[in-house]
C-alpha atoms as a PDB file:
ATOM      1  CA  UNK A   1     139.806 155.791 101.021  1.00  0.00           C
ATOM      2  CA  UNK A   2     137.638 158.931 100.892  1.00  0.00           C
ATOM      3  CA  UNK A   3     134.219 159.129  99.249  1.00  0.00           C
ATOM      4  CA  UNK A   4     135.801 161.081  96.402  1.00  0.00           C
ATOM      5  CA  UNK A   5     138.106 158.167  95.749  1.00  0.00           C
ATOM      6  CA  UNK A   6     135.277 155.674  95.160  1.00  0.00           C
ATOM      7  CA  UNK A   7     135.942 153.796  91.944  1.00  0.00           C
ATOM      8  CA  UNK A   8     133.409 154.496  89.226  1.00  0.00           C
ATOM      9  CA  UNK A   9     132.237 151.632  87.085  1.00  0.00           C
ATOM     10  CA  UNK A  10     129.823 148.680  87.163  1.00  0.00           C
ATOM     11  CA  UNK A  11     128.476 147.755  90.566  1.00  0.00           C
ATOM     12  CA  UNK A  12     127.830 149.853  93.659  1.00  0.00           C
ATOM     13  CA  UNK A  13     130.302 152.329  95.118  1.00  0.00           C
ATOM     14  CA  UNK A  14     131.500 152.329  98.710  1.00  0.00           C
ATOM     15  CA  UNK A  15     129.415 155.438  99.467  1.00  0.00           C
ATOM     16  CA  UNK A  16     126.257 153.780  98.085  1.00  0.00           C
ATOM     17  CA  UNK A  17     126.975 150.590 100.030  1.00  0.00           C
ATOM     18  CA  UNK A  18     127.146 152.585 103.265  1.00  0.00           C
ATOM     19  CA  UNK A  19     123.845 154.272 102.416  1.00  0.00           C
ATOM     20  CA  UNK A  20     122.200 150.895 101.798  1.00  0.00           C
ATOM     21  CA  UNK A  21     123.603 149.548 105.067  1.00  0.00           C
ATOM     22  CA  UNK A  22     122.137 152.504 106.966  1.00  0.00           C
ATOM     23  CA  UNK A  23     118.741 152.050 105.341  1.00  0.00           C
ATOM     24  CA  UNK A  24     118.788 148.309 106.032  1.00  0.00           C
ATOM     25  CA  UNK A  25     119.542 148.882 109.712  1.00  0.00           C
ATOM     26  CA  UNK A  26     116.528 151.151 110.077  1.00  0.00           C
ATOM     27  CA  UNK A  27     114.171 148.997 107.943  1.00  0.00           C
ATOM     28  CA  UNK A  28     111.082 147.514 109.637  1.00  0.00           C
ATOM     29  CA  UNK A  29     110.790 143.800 110.292  1.00  0.00           C
ATOM     30  CA  UNK A  30     108.703 142.873 107.259  1.00  0.00           C
ATOM     31  CA  UNK A  31     108.538 139.950 104.874  1.00  0.00           C
ATOM     32  CA  UNK A  32     109.904 140.375 101.384  1.00  0.00           C
ATOM     33  CA  UNK A  33     112.659 142.590 100.030  1.00  0.00           C
ATOM     34  CA  UNK A  34     112.840 146.360  99.992  1.00  0.00           C
ATOM     35  CA  UNK A  35     113.683 147.624  96.514  1.00  0.00           C
ATOM     36  CA  UNK A  36     116.002 150.622  96.390  1.00  0.00           C
ATOM     37  CA  UNK A  37     117.304 152.454  93.359  1.00  0.00           C
ATOM     38  CA  UNK A  38     121.000 153.213  93.701  1.00  0.00           C
ATOM     39  CA  UNK A  39     122.982 154.803  90.875  1.00  0.00           C
ATOM     40  CA  UNK A  40     120.321 153.720  88.407  1.00  0.00           C
ATOM     41  CA  UNK A  41     120.281 150.124  89.612  1.00  0.00           C
ATOM     42  CA  UNK A  42     117.538 148.304  91.501  1.00  0.00           C
ATOM     43  CA  UNK A  43     118.950 146.783  94.672  1.00  0.00           C
ATOM     44  CA  UNK A  44     116.925 144.239  96.659  1.00  0.00           C
ATOM     45  CA  UNK A  45     117.552 144.578 100.398  1.00  0.00           C
ATOM     46  CA  UNK A  46     116.360 141.675 102.546  1.00  0.00           C
ATOM     47  CA  UNK A  47     115.881 141.533 106.288  1.00  0.00           C
ATOM     48  CA  UNK A  48     116.573 141.980 109.041  1.00  0.00           C
ATOM     49  CA  UNK A  49     113.360 140.004 109.556  1.00  0.00           C
ATOM     50  CA  UNK A  50     112.347 136.731 107.940  1.00  0.00           C
ATOM     51  CA  UNK A  51     111.613 136.573 104.232  1.00  0.00           C
ATOM     52  CA  UNK A  52     110.018 133.860 102.041  1.00  0.00           C
ATOM     53  CA  UNK A  53     112.609 131.436 100.658  1.00  0.00           C
ATOM     54  CA  UNK A  54     111.902 128.595  98.219  1.00  0.00           C
ATOM     55  CA  UNK A  55     114.512 125.938  97.458  1.00  0.00           C
ATOM     56  CA  UNK A  56     114.577 123.098  94.951  1.00  0.00           C
ATOM     57  CA  UNK A  57     116.048 120.187  96.908  1.00  0.00           C
ATOM     58  CA  UNK A  58     116.276 116.700  95.436  1.00  0.00           C
ATOM     59  CA  UNK A  59     113.561 117.589  92.936  1.00  0.00           C
ATOM     60  CA  UNK A  60     111.152 118.980  95.550  1.00  0.00           C
ATOM     61  CA  UNK A  61     110.144 122.583  96.196  1.00  0.00           C
ATOM     62  CA  UNK A  62     110.623 123.457  99.860  1.00  0.00           C
ATOM     63  CA  UNK A  63     109.443 126.807 101.198  1.00  0.00           C
ATOM     64  CA  UNK A  64     109.851 128.589 104.519  1.00  0.00           C
ATOM     65  CA  UNK A  65     110.237 132.043 106.034  1.00  0.00           C
ATOM     66  CA  UNK A  66     113.907 132.437 106.922  1.00  0.00           C
ATOM     67  CA  UNK A  67     116.176 135.232 108.073  1.00  0.00           C
ATOM     68  CA  UNK A  68     118.564 136.244 105.270  1.00  0.00           C
ATOM     69  CA  UNK A  69     121.540 135.161 107.417  1.00  0.00           C
ATOM     70  CA  UNK A  70     120.411 131.496 107.512  1.00  0.00           C
ATOM     71  CA  UNK A  71     122.814 129.201 105.661  1.00  0.00           C
ATOM     72  CA  UNK A  72     121.772 126.508 103.233  1.00  0.00           C
ATOM     73  CA  UNK A  73     123.032 123.910 105.732  1.00  0.00           C
ATOM     74  CA  UNK A  74     120.846 125.291 108.531  1.00  0.00           C
ATOM     75  CA  UNK A  75     117.828 125.503 106.235  1.00  0.00           C
ATOM     76  CA  UNK A  76     118.262 121.919 105.035  1.00  0.00           C
ATOM     77  CA  UNK A  77     118.866 120.350 108.440  1.00  0.00           C
ATOM     78  CA  UNK A  78     116.849 122.499 110.830  1.00  0.00           C
ATOM     79  CA  UNK A  79     113.917 123.635 108.703  1.00  0.00           C
ATOM     80  CA  UNK A  80     113.444 120.945 106.049  1.00  0.00           C
ATOM     81  CA  UNK A  81     114.843 117.901 107.918  1.00  0.00           C
ATOM     82  CA  UNK A  82     117.210 117.005 105.078  1.00  0.00           C
ATOM     83  CA  UNK A  83     119.979 115.571 107.249  1.00  0.00           C
ATOM     84  CA  UNK A  84     122.371 114.120 104.660  1.00  0.00           C
ATOM     85  CA  UNK A  85     124.722 117.138 104.839  1.00  0.00           C
ATOM     86  CA  UNK A  86     126.526 117.028 108.181  1.00  0.00           C
ATOM     87  CA  UNK A  87     127.557 119.924 110.409  1.00  0.00           C
ATOM     88  CA  UNK A  88     131.144 119.401 111.547  1.00  0.00           C
ATOM     89  CA  UNK A  89     133.448 122.427 111.263  1.00  0.00           C
ATOM     90  CA  UNK A  90     130.657 124.836 110.174  1.00  0.00           C
ATOM     91  CA  UNK A  91     133.221 127.148 108.578  1.00  0.00           C
ATOM     92  CA  UNK A  92     133.889 125.758 105.098  1.00  0.00           C
ATOM     93  CA  UNK A  93     136.969 123.709 105.950  1.00  0.00           C
ATOM     94  CA  UNK A  94     136.091 120.011 106.182  1.00  0.00           C
ATOM     95  CA  UNK A  95     133.555 119.341 103.420  1.00  0.00           C
ATOM     96  CA  UNK A  96     131.161 117.242 105.523  1.00  0.00           C
ATOM     97  CA  UNK A  97     128.257 119.456 104.421  1.00  0.00           C
ATOM     98  CA  UNK A  98     129.038 119.203 100.686  1.00  0.00           C
ATOM     99  CA  UNK A  99     126.015 119.224  98.386  1.00  0.00           C
ATOM    100  CA  UNK A 100     125.678 119.660  94.641  1.00  0.00           C
ATOM    101  CA  UNK A 101     124.220 122.952  93.461  1.00  0.00           C
ATOM    102  CA  UNK A 102     123.621 123.175  89.723  1.00  0.00           C
ATOM    103  CA  UNK A 103     125.943 120.156  89.318  1.00  0.00           C
ATOM    104  CA  UNK A 104     128.768 121.819  91.255  1.00  0.00           C
ATOM    105  CA  UNK A 105     130.035 120.704  94.674  1.00  0.00           C
ATOM    106  CA  UNK A 106     129.620 123.448  97.291  1.00  0.00           C
ATOM    107  CA  UNK A 107     129.861 123.716 101.072  1.00  0.00           C
ATOM    108  CA  UNK A 108     126.293 124.148 102.327  1.00  0.00           C
ATOM    109  CA  UNK A 109     127.585 125.943 105.448  1.00  0.00           C
ATOM    110  CA  UNK A 110     129.100 128.667 103.254  1.00  0.00           C
ATOM    111  CA  UNK A 111     126.065 129.386 101.059  1.00  0.00           C
ATOM    112  CA  UNK A 112     123.135 131.505 102.217  1.00  0.00           C
ATOM    113  CA  UNK A 113     119.799 129.789 101.707  1.00  0.00           C
ATOM    114  CA  UNK A 114     118.396 132.946 100.126  1.00  0.00           C
ATOM    115  CA  UNK A 115     121.182 132.820  97.505  1.00  0.00           C
ATOM    116  CA  UNK A 116     120.441 129.165  96.687  1.00  0.00           C
ATOM    117  CA  UNK A 117     116.995 129.991  95.333  1.00  0.00           C
ATOM    118  CA  UNK A 118     116.535 129.019  91.699  1.00  0.00           C
ATOM    119  CA  UNK A 119     119.341 126.445  91.926  1.00  0.00           C
ATOM    120  CA  UNK A 120     119.045 122.667  91.639  1.00  0.00           C
ATOM    121  CA  UNK A 121     120.279 121.282  94.971  1.00  0.00           C
ATOM    122  CA  UNK A 122     121.089 117.585  95.395  1.00  0.00           C
ATOM    123  CA  UNK A 123     122.109 115.866  98.625  1.00  0.00           C
ATOM    124  CA  UNK A 124     122.855 112.212  99.401  1.00  0.00           C
ATOM    125  CA  UNK A 125     119.162 111.878 100.252  1.00  0.00           C
ATOM    126  CA  UNK A 126     118.379 112.541  96.578  1.00  0.00           C
ATOM    127  CA  UNK A 127     120.912 110.175  94.995  1.00  0.00           C
ATOM    128  CA  UNK A 128     118.742 107.101  95.504  1.00  0.00           C
ATOM    129  CA  UNK A 129     115.096 108.178  95.159  1.00  0.00           C
ATOM    130  CA  UNK A 130     113.917 104.596  94.609  1.00  0.00           C
ATOM    131  CA  UNK A 131     115.750 103.177  97.617  1.00  0.00           C
ATOM    132  CA  UNK A 132     118.657 101.642  95.676  1.00  0.00           C
ATOM    133  CA  UNK A 133     122.222 102.663  96.381  1.00  0.00           C
ATOM    134  CA  UNK A 134     123.687 105.104  93.906  1.00  0.00           C
ATOM    135  CA  UNK A 135     126.847 103.697  92.231  1.00  0.00           C
ATOM    136  CA  UNK A 136     129.005 106.157  94.209  1.00  0.00           C
ATOM    137  CA  UNK A 137     127.470 105.080  97.517  1.00  0.00           C
ATOM    138  CA  UNK A 138     127.772 101.408  96.509  1.00  0.00           C
ATOM    139  CA  UNK A 139     131.465 101.882  95.683  1.00  0.00           C
ATOM    140  CA  UNK A 140     132.038 103.398  99.134  1.00  0.00           C
ATOM    141  CA  UNK A 141     130.465 100.275 100.672  1.00  0.00           C
ATOM    142  CA  UNK A 142     132.479  97.943  98.439  1.00  0.00           C
ATOM    143  CA  UNK A 143     135.737  99.616  99.491  1.00  0.00           C
ATOM    144  CA  UNK A 144     134.956 100.109 103.212  1.00  0.00           C
ATOM    145  CA  UNK A 145     135.311 103.834 102.622  1.00  0.00           C
ATOM    146  CA  UNK A 146     133.501 104.897 105.793  1.00  0.00           C
ATOM    147  CA  UNK A 147     133.965 104.594 109.538  1.00  0.00           C
ATOM    148  CA  UNK A 148     132.152 107.034 111.826  1.00  0.00           C
ATOM    149  CA  UNK A 149     130.159 108.297 108.824  1.00  0.00           C
ATOM    150  CA  UNK A 150     130.215 112.020 109.511  1.00  0.00           C
ATOM    151  CA  UNK A 151     132.353 112.832 106.486  1.00  0.00           C
ATOM    152  CA  UNK A 152     130.822 110.180 104.220  1.00  0.00           C
ATOM    153  CA  UNK A 153     127.835 112.120 102.774  1.00  0.00           C
ATOM    154  CA  UNK A 154     130.100 115.034 101.902  1.00  0.00           C
ATOM    155  CA  UNK A 155     132.656 112.744 100.299  1.00  0.00           C
ATOM    156  CA  UNK A 156     129.937 110.948  98.329  1.00  0.00           C
ATOM    157  CA  UNK A 157     128.615 114.229  96.926  1.00  0.00           C
ATOM    158  CA  UNK A 158     132.110 115.567  96.217  1.00  0.00           C
ATOM    159  CA  UNK A 159     132.975 112.284  94.471  1.00  0.00           C
ATOM    160  CA  UNK A 160     129.790 112.410  92.394  1.00  0.00           C
ATOM    161  CA  UNK A 161     130.519 115.974  91.248  1.00  0.00           C
ATOM    162  CA  UNK A 162     134.194 115.111  90.659  1.00  0.00           C
ATOM    163  CA  UNK A 163     133.552 111.993  88.554  1.00  0.00           C
ATOM    164  CA  UNK A 164     130.893 113.775  86.499  1.00  0.00           C
ATOM    165  CA  UNK A 165     133.718 116.016  85.272  1.00  0.00           C
ATOM    166  CA  UNK A 166     136.568 113.469  85.428  1.00  0.00           C
ATOM    167  CA  UNK A 167     135.165 110.036  84.523  1.00  0.00           C
ATOM    168  CA  UNK A 168     138.697 108.690  83.950  1.00  0.00           C
ATOM    169  CA  UNK A 169     140.420 110.382  86.866  1.00  0.00           C
ATOM    170  CA  UNK A 170     144.131 110.068  87.503  1.00  0.00           C
ATOM    171  CA  UNK A 171     145.643 110.087  90.997  1.00  0.00           C
ATOM    172  CA  UNK A 172     146.641 113.711  90.476  1.00  0.00           C
ATOM    173  CA  UNK A 173     143.055 114.574  89.481  1.00  0.00           C
ATOM    174  CA  UNK A 174     141.802 112.808  92.602  1.00  0.00           C
ATOM    175  CA  UNK A 175     144.094 114.721  94.953  1.00  0.00           C
ATOM    176  CA  UNK A 176     142.971 118.028  93.477  1.00  0.00           C
ATOM    177  CA  UNK A 177     139.304 117.172  93.117  1.00  0.00           C
ATOM    178  CA  UNK A 178     138.713 115.827  96.628  1.00  0.00           C
ATOM    179  CA  UNK A 179     141.289 117.936  98.453  1.00  0.00           C
ATOM    180  CA  UNK A 180     138.560 120.042 100.045  1.00  0.00           C
ATOM    181  CA  UNK A 181     137.072 117.112 102.001  1.00  0.00           C
ATOM    182  CA  UNK A 182     138.649 115.633 105.121  1.00  0.00           C
ATOM    183  CA  UNK A 183     138.175 112.321 106.921  1.00  0.00           C
ATOM    184  CA  UNK A 184     139.229 112.411 110.561  1.00  0.00           C
ATOM    185  CA  UNK A 185     139.111 108.599 110.699  1.00  0.00           C
ATOM    186  CA  UNK A 186     141.674 108.397 107.894  1.00  0.00           C
ATOM    187  CA  UNK A 187     139.769 106.155 105.470  1.00  0.00           C
ATOM    188  CA  UNK A 188     141.500 107.686 102.458  1.00  0.00           C
ATOM    189  CA  UNK A 189     142.649 104.325 101.091  1.00  0.00           C
ATOM    190  CA  UNK A 190     139.054 103.130 100.846  1.00  0.00           C
ATOM    191  CA  UNK A 191     137.896 106.422  99.342  1.00  0.00           C
ATOM    192  CA  UNK A 192     140.624 106.258  96.701  1.00  0.00           C
ATOM    193  CA  UNK A 193     139.597 102.677  95.985  1.00  0.00           C
ATOM    194  CA  UNK A 194     135.983 103.737  95.517  1.00  0.00           C
ATOM    195  CA  UNK A 195     136.949 106.483  93.087  1.00  0.00           C
ATOM    196  CA  UNK A 196     139.262 104.130  91.173  1.00  0.00           C
ATOM    197  CA  UNK A 197     136.488 101.545  90.925  1.00  0.00           C
ATOM    198  CA  UNK A 198     134.085 104.100  89.501  1.00  0.00           C
ATOM    199  CA  UNK A 199     136.609 105.676  87.148  1.00  0.00           C
ATOM    200  CA  UNK A 200     137.726 102.381  85.665  1.00  0.00           C
ATOM    201  CA  UNK A 201     141.049 102.440  87.470  1.00  0.00           C
ATOM    202  CA  UNK A 202     140.832  98.772  88.332  1.00  0.00           C
ATOM    203  CA  UNK A 203     141.973  99.411  91.898  1.00  0.00           C
ATOM    204  CA  UNK A 204     141.129  96.674  94.338  1.00  0.00           C
ATOM    205  CA  UNK A 205     139.182  97.024  97.571  1.00  0.00           C
ATOM    206  CA  UNK A 206     141.143  98.967 100.170  1.00  0.00           C
ATOM    207  CA  UNK A 207     143.971  99.763  97.748  1.00  0.00           C
ATOM    208  CA  UNK A 208     146.066 102.889  98.178  1.00  0.00           C
END
Protein backbone atom coordinates (compact mmCIF):
# COMPACT_ATOMS: atom_id res chain seq x y z
CA UNK A 1 0.00 0.00 0.00
CA UNK A 2 1.42 3.40 -0.99
CA UNK A 3 1.54 6.44 1.28
CA UNK A 4 -1.31 7.94 -0.73
CA UNK A 5 -3.44 4.95 0.13
CA UNK A 6 -3.15 5.45 3.90
CA UNK A 7 -6.61 5.31 5.43
CA UNK A 8 -7.74 8.58 6.94
CA UNK A 9 -9.62 8.50 10.20
CA UNK A 10 -9.01 8.15 13.95
CA UNK A 11 -5.59 6.89 14.95
CA UNK A 12 -2.21 7.22 13.26
CA UNK A 13 -1.58 6.54 9.58
CA UNK A 14 1.04 4.16 8.24
CA UNK A 15 3.19 7.09 7.08
CA UNK A 16 3.08 8.68 10.55
CA UNK A 17 3.89 5.35 12.20
CA UNK A 18 7.01 5.03 10.06
CA UNK A 19 8.04 8.56 11.00
CA UNK A 20 7.62 7.77 14.70
CA UNK A 21 9.62 4.56 14.30
CA UNK A 22 12.47 6.49 12.68
CA UNK A 23 12.47 9.10 15.43
CA UNK A 24 12.38 6.41 18.13
CA UNK A 25 15.37 4.63 16.62
CA UNK A 26 17.45 7.80 16.74
CA UNK A 27 16.23 8.91 20.21
CA UNK A 28 18.82 9.18 23.01
CA UNK A 29 18.85 6.75 25.90
CA UNK A 30 16.95 8.86 28.41
CA UNK A 31 14.40 8.22 31.12
CA UNK A 32 10.81 9.19 30.51
CA UNK A 33 8.80 9.44 27.31
CA UNK A 34 9.37 11.70 24.34
CA UNK A 35 6.17 13.53 23.42
CA UNK A 36 5.58 13.99 19.70
CA UNK A 37 2.68 15.68 17.98
CA UNK A 38 1.47 13.65 15.02
CA UNK A 39 -1.60 14.66 13.02
CA UNK A 40 -2.78 16.79 15.92
CA UNK A 41 -2.36 14.02 18.48
CA UNK A 42 0.19 13.77 21.28
CA UNK A 43 2.06 10.49 21.03
CA UNK A 44 4.25 9.28 23.91
CA UNK A 45 7.31 7.41 22.65
CA UNK A 46 9.19 5.38 25.26
CA UNK A 47 12.66 3.90 25.06
CA UNK A 48 14.85 2.50 23.83
CA UNK A 49 16.37 3.07 27.28
CA UNK A 50 14.81 2.39 30.66
CA UNK A 51 11.85 4.44 31.85
CA UNK A 52 10.15 4.74 35.27
CA UNK A 53 7.34 2.20 35.70
CA UNK A 54 5.00 1.98 38.69
CA UNK A 55 2.69 -1.00 39.18
CA UNK A 56 -0.05 -1.69 41.70
CA UNK A 57 0.48 -5.33 42.67
CA UNK A 58 -1.54 -6.99 45.40
CA UNK A 59 -2.37 -3.58 46.85
CA UNK A 60 1.25 -2.36 46.89
CA UNK A 61 2.92 0.24 44.69
CA UNK A 62 6.08 -1.17 43.13
CA UNK A 63 8.38 1.07 41.12
CA UNK A 64 11.44 0.43 38.97
CA UNK A 65 13.22 1.66 35.86
CA UNK A 66 12.44 -0.83 33.10
CA UNK A 67 12.95 -1.04 29.36
CA UNK A 68 9.62 -0.66 27.54
CA UNK A 69 9.98 -4.19 26.13
CA UNK A 70 9.90 -5.81 29.61
CA UNK A 71 6.79 -7.94 30.13
CA UNK A 72 4.63 -7.87 33.23
CA UNK A 73 5.79 -11.43 34.00
CA UNK A 74 9.47 -10.44 33.87
CA UNK A 75 8.84 -7.35 35.99
CA UNK A 76 6.94 -9.33 38.63
CA UNK A 77 9.37 -12.23 38.89
CA UNK A 78 12.76 -10.68 38.14
CA UNK A 79 12.40 -7.15 39.48
CA UNK A 80 9.80 -7.33 42.25
CA UNK A 81 10.26 -10.97 43.37
CA UNK A 82 6.55 -11.75 43.02
CA UNK A 83 6.97 -15.39 42.00
CA UNK A 84 3.37 -16.65 42.01
CA UNK A 85 3.03 -16.34 38.21
CA UNK A 86 5.14 -19.06 36.61
CA UNK A 87 7.16 -18.91 33.40
CA UNK A 88 6.47 -22.03 31.35
CA UNK A 89 5.75 -21.47 27.65
CA UNK A 90 6.47 -17.70 27.76
CA UNK A 91 4.35 -17.16 24.65
CA UNK A 92 0.75 -16.88 25.85
CA UNK A 93 -0.25 -20.51 25.32
CA UNK A 94 -0.32 -22.37 28.64
CA UNK A 95 -1.74 -19.93 31.20
CA UNK A 96 0.79 -20.67 33.96
CA UNK A 97 1.51 -16.94 34.29
CA UNK A 98 -2.16 -15.91 34.60
CA UNK A 99 -2.83 -12.94 36.86
CA UNK A 100 -5.88 -10.76 37.35
CA UNK A 101 -5.67 -7.24 35.97
CA UNK A 102 -8.64 -5.03 36.79
CA UNK A 103 -10.58 -8.21 37.68
CA UNK A 104 -9.83 -9.84 34.32
CA UNK A 105 -7.60 -12.89 33.81
CA UNK A 106 -4.62 -12.09 31.56
CA UNK A 107 -1.36 -13.78 30.59
CA UNK A 108 1.40 -11.81 32.31
CA UNK A 109 3.89 -12.92 29.63
CA UNK A 110 1.79 -11.18 26.96
CA UNK A 111 1.34 -7.81 28.69
CA UNK A 112 4.05 -5.15 28.75
CA UNK A 113 4.77 -3.87 32.24
CA UNK A 114 4.58 -0.29 30.98
CA UNK A 115 1.02 -0.95 29.75
CA UNK A 116 -0.03 -2.40 33.12
CA UNK A 117 0.46 0.92 34.89
CA UNK A 118 -2.70 2.24 36.51
CA UNK A 119 -4.21 -1.26 36.65
CA UNK A 120 -5.02 -3.30 39.75
CA UNK A 121 -2.90 -6.46 39.48
CA UNK A 122 -3.56 -9.48 41.70
CA UNK A 123 -1.49 -12.66 41.84
CA UNK A 124 -1.81 -15.78 44.01
CA UNK A 125 0.52 -14.02 46.46
CA UNK A 126 -2.23 -11.45 47.05
CA UNK A 127 -5.18 -13.83 47.50
CA UNK A 128 -4.33 -14.60 51.12
CA UNK A 129 -2.81 -11.45 52.66
CA UNK A 130 -3.42 -12.70 56.21
CA UNK A 131 -1.86 -16.11 55.64
CA UNK A 132 -5.13 -18.04 55.28
CA UNK A 133 -5.91 -19.99 52.14
CA UNK A 134 -8.29 -18.27 49.77
CA UNK A 135 -11.42 -20.40 49.11
CA UNK A 136 -10.20 -21.13 45.56
CA UNK A 137 -6.81 -22.32 46.81
CA UNK A 138 -8.49 -24.36 49.57
CA UNK A 139 -10.77 -26.04 47.01
CA UNK A 140 -7.72 -27.01 44.94
CA UNK A 141 -6.24 -28.66 48.05
CA UNK A 142 -9.52 -30.39 48.91
CA UNK A 143 -9.74 -31.89 45.42
CA UNK A 144 -6.04 -32.77 44.93
CA UNK A 145 -6.04 -30.39 41.98
CA UNK A 146 -2.26 -30.01 41.80
CA UNK A 147 0.76 -32.19 41.12
CA UNK A 148 4.02 -30.54 40.05
CA UNK A 149 2.50 -27.13 40.84
CA UNK A 150 3.75 -25.14 37.86
CA UNK A 151 0.30 -24.63 36.39
CA UNK A 152 -1.49 -24.29 39.74
CA UNK A 153 -1.08 -20.52 40.39
CA UNK A 154 -2.32 -19.74 36.89
CA UNK A 155 -5.28 -22.08 37.27
CA UNK A 156 -6.12 -20.58 40.67
CA UNK A 157 -6.17 -17.06 39.25
CA UNK A 158 -8.10 -18.12 36.14
CA UNK A 159 -10.62 -19.94 38.37
CA UNK A 160 -11.00 -16.89 40.62
CA UNK A 161 -11.68 -14.61 37.65
CA UNK A 162 -13.99 -17.22 36.08
CA UNK A 163 -16.12 -17.81 39.19
CA UNK A 164 -16.41 -14.08 39.85
CA UNK A 165 -18.34 -13.92 36.57
CA UNK A 166 -19.93 -17.39 36.67
CA UNK A 167 -20.72 -18.24 40.31
CA UNK A 168 -23.04 -21.07 39.20
CA UNK A 169 -20.94 -22.42 36.35
CA UNK A 170 -22.09 -25.27 34.14
CA UNK A 171 -19.69 -27.79 32.60
CA UNK A 172 -19.94 -25.92 29.31
CA UNK A 173 -19.06 -22.65 31.08
CA UNK A 174 -16.08 -24.37 32.70
CA UNK A 175 -14.69 -25.69 29.42
CA UNK A 176 -14.89 -22.24 27.87
CA UNK A 177 -13.73 -20.29 30.89
CA UNK A 178 -10.63 -22.34 31.71
CA UNK A 179 -9.79 -23.48 28.19
CA UNK A 180 -6.80 -21.15 28.05
CA UNK A 181 -4.95 -22.92 30.90
CA UNK A 182 -3.19 -26.26 30.52
CA UNK A 183 -2.00 -28.84 33.03
CA UNK A 184 0.74 -31.10 31.71
CA UNK A 185 0.22 -33.47 34.65
CA UNK A 186 -3.42 -33.96 33.64
CA UNK A 187 -5.10 -33.06 36.94
CA UNK A 188 -8.24 -31.84 35.18
CA UNK A 189 -10.56 -34.06 37.22
CA UNK A 190 -9.39 -32.41 40.44
CA UNK A 191 -9.60 -28.93 38.92
CA UNK A 192 -13.15 -29.58 37.75
CA UNK A 193 -13.98 -30.84 41.23
CA UNK A 194 -12.59 -27.67 42.78
CA UNK A 195 -14.65 -25.47 40.49
CA UNK A 196 -17.79 -27.55 41.12
CA UNK A 197 -17.24 -27.29 44.87
CA UNK A 198 -16.96 -23.52 44.68
CA UNK A 199 -19.86 -23.07 42.28
CA UNK A 200 -22.25 -25.18 44.31
CA UNK A 201 -22.14 -28.07 41.88
CA UNK A 202 -21.95 -30.61 44.66
CA UNK A 203 -19.21 -32.55 42.87
CA UNK A 204 -17.19 -34.83 45.08
CA UNK A 205 -13.43 -34.83 45.52
CA UNK A 206 -11.67 -36.04 42.38
CA UNK A 207 -14.91 -36.24 40.39
CA UNK A 208 -14.89 -35.81 36.63
